[in-house]
Amino acid sequence: MLIKLTQDIKCGPETCSAGEEFEAVLILPRSTTVEFVTESGRKVRAFNYEYTKVEVEA
């Protein structure tokens, strides 16, 4: 799923900024927490209040 961050997330030494889009996967089937990989290869988790789901037009 494609997500867009709604707030900045501190990812170790780097920061993932609000407005950035990432390809993410749900942690668990019923969870709203997602995990995505930054350009540097770091795995980051975002909670449901930190992102919105981007609808992809076909």
Protein backbone atom coordinates (compact mmCIF):
# COMPACT_ATOMS: atom_id res chain seq x y z
CA MET A 1 0.00 0.00 0.00
CA LEU A 2 1.15 3.54 -0.68
CA ILE A 3 1.17 5.92 2.30
CA LYS A 4 1.81 9.64 2.76
CA LEU A 5 3.21 10.82 6.10
CA THR A 6 1.11 13.42 7.91
CA GLN A 7 3.86 14.32 10.40
CA ASP A 8 7.64 14.11 10.66
CA ILE A 9 9.04 10.82 11.96
CA LYS A 10 12.53 10.62 13.43
CA CYS A 11 14.25 7.64 11.78
CA GLY A 12 17.50 7.31 13.71
CA PRO A 13 19.93 9.90 12.33
CA GLU A 14 17.52 10.96 9.56
CA THR A 15 14.00 12.39 9.53
CA CYS A 16 11.13 11.24 7.32
CA SER A 17 9.19 14.43 6.58
CA ALA A 18 5.46 14.99 6.40
CA GLY A 19 4.26 14.76 2.80
CA GLU A 20 6.73 12.05 1.76
CA GLU A 21 5.24 8.91 0.20
CA PHE A 22 6.43 5.36 0.82
CA GLU A 23 5.40 1.85 -0.15
CA ALA A 24 4.42 0.20 3.15
CA VAL A 25 3.06 -3.06 4.55
CA LEU A 26 0.81 -3.69 7.56
CA ILE A 27 2.63 -5.18 10.57
CA LEU A 28 -0.22 -7.58 11.38
CA PRO A 29 -3.45 -8.24 9.45
CA ARG A 30 -5.65 -6.37 11.95
CA SER A 31 -3.09 -3.72 12.85
CA THR A 32 -3.06 -0.15 11.57
CA THR A 33 0.70 0.15 12.11
CA VAL A 34 2.74 -0.03 8.91
CA GLU A 35 6.40 -0.60 8.16
CA PHE A 36 8.31 1.02 5.29
CA VAL A 37 11.92 1.26 4.14
CA THR A 38 13.71 4.60 3.72
CA GLU A 39 16.12 5.36 0.88
CA SER A 40 19.03 4.51 3.20
CA GLY A 41 17.54 1.04 3.82
CA ARG A 42 16.32 1.68 7.37
CA LYS A 43 13.01 0.02 8.33
CA VAL A 44 10.61 2.44 9.99
CA ARG A 45 7.21 1.93 11.58
CA ALA A 46 4.41 4.47 11.38
CA PHE A 47 1.25 4.48 13.47
CA ASN A 48 -2.21 5.20 12.01
CA TYR A 49 -2.15 8.86 13.14
CA GLU A 50 1.20 9.46 11.36
CA TYR A 51 0.10 8.56 7.81
CA THR A 52 -2.77 8.49 5.36
CA LYS A 53 -3.37 5.85 2.73
CA VAL A 54 -2.88 7.11 -0.84
CA GLU A 55 -5.48 5.97 -3.33
CA VAL A 56 -3.84 4.94 -6.59
CA GLU A 57 -5.85 5.63 -9.73
CA ALA A 58 -5.87 2.85 -12.29
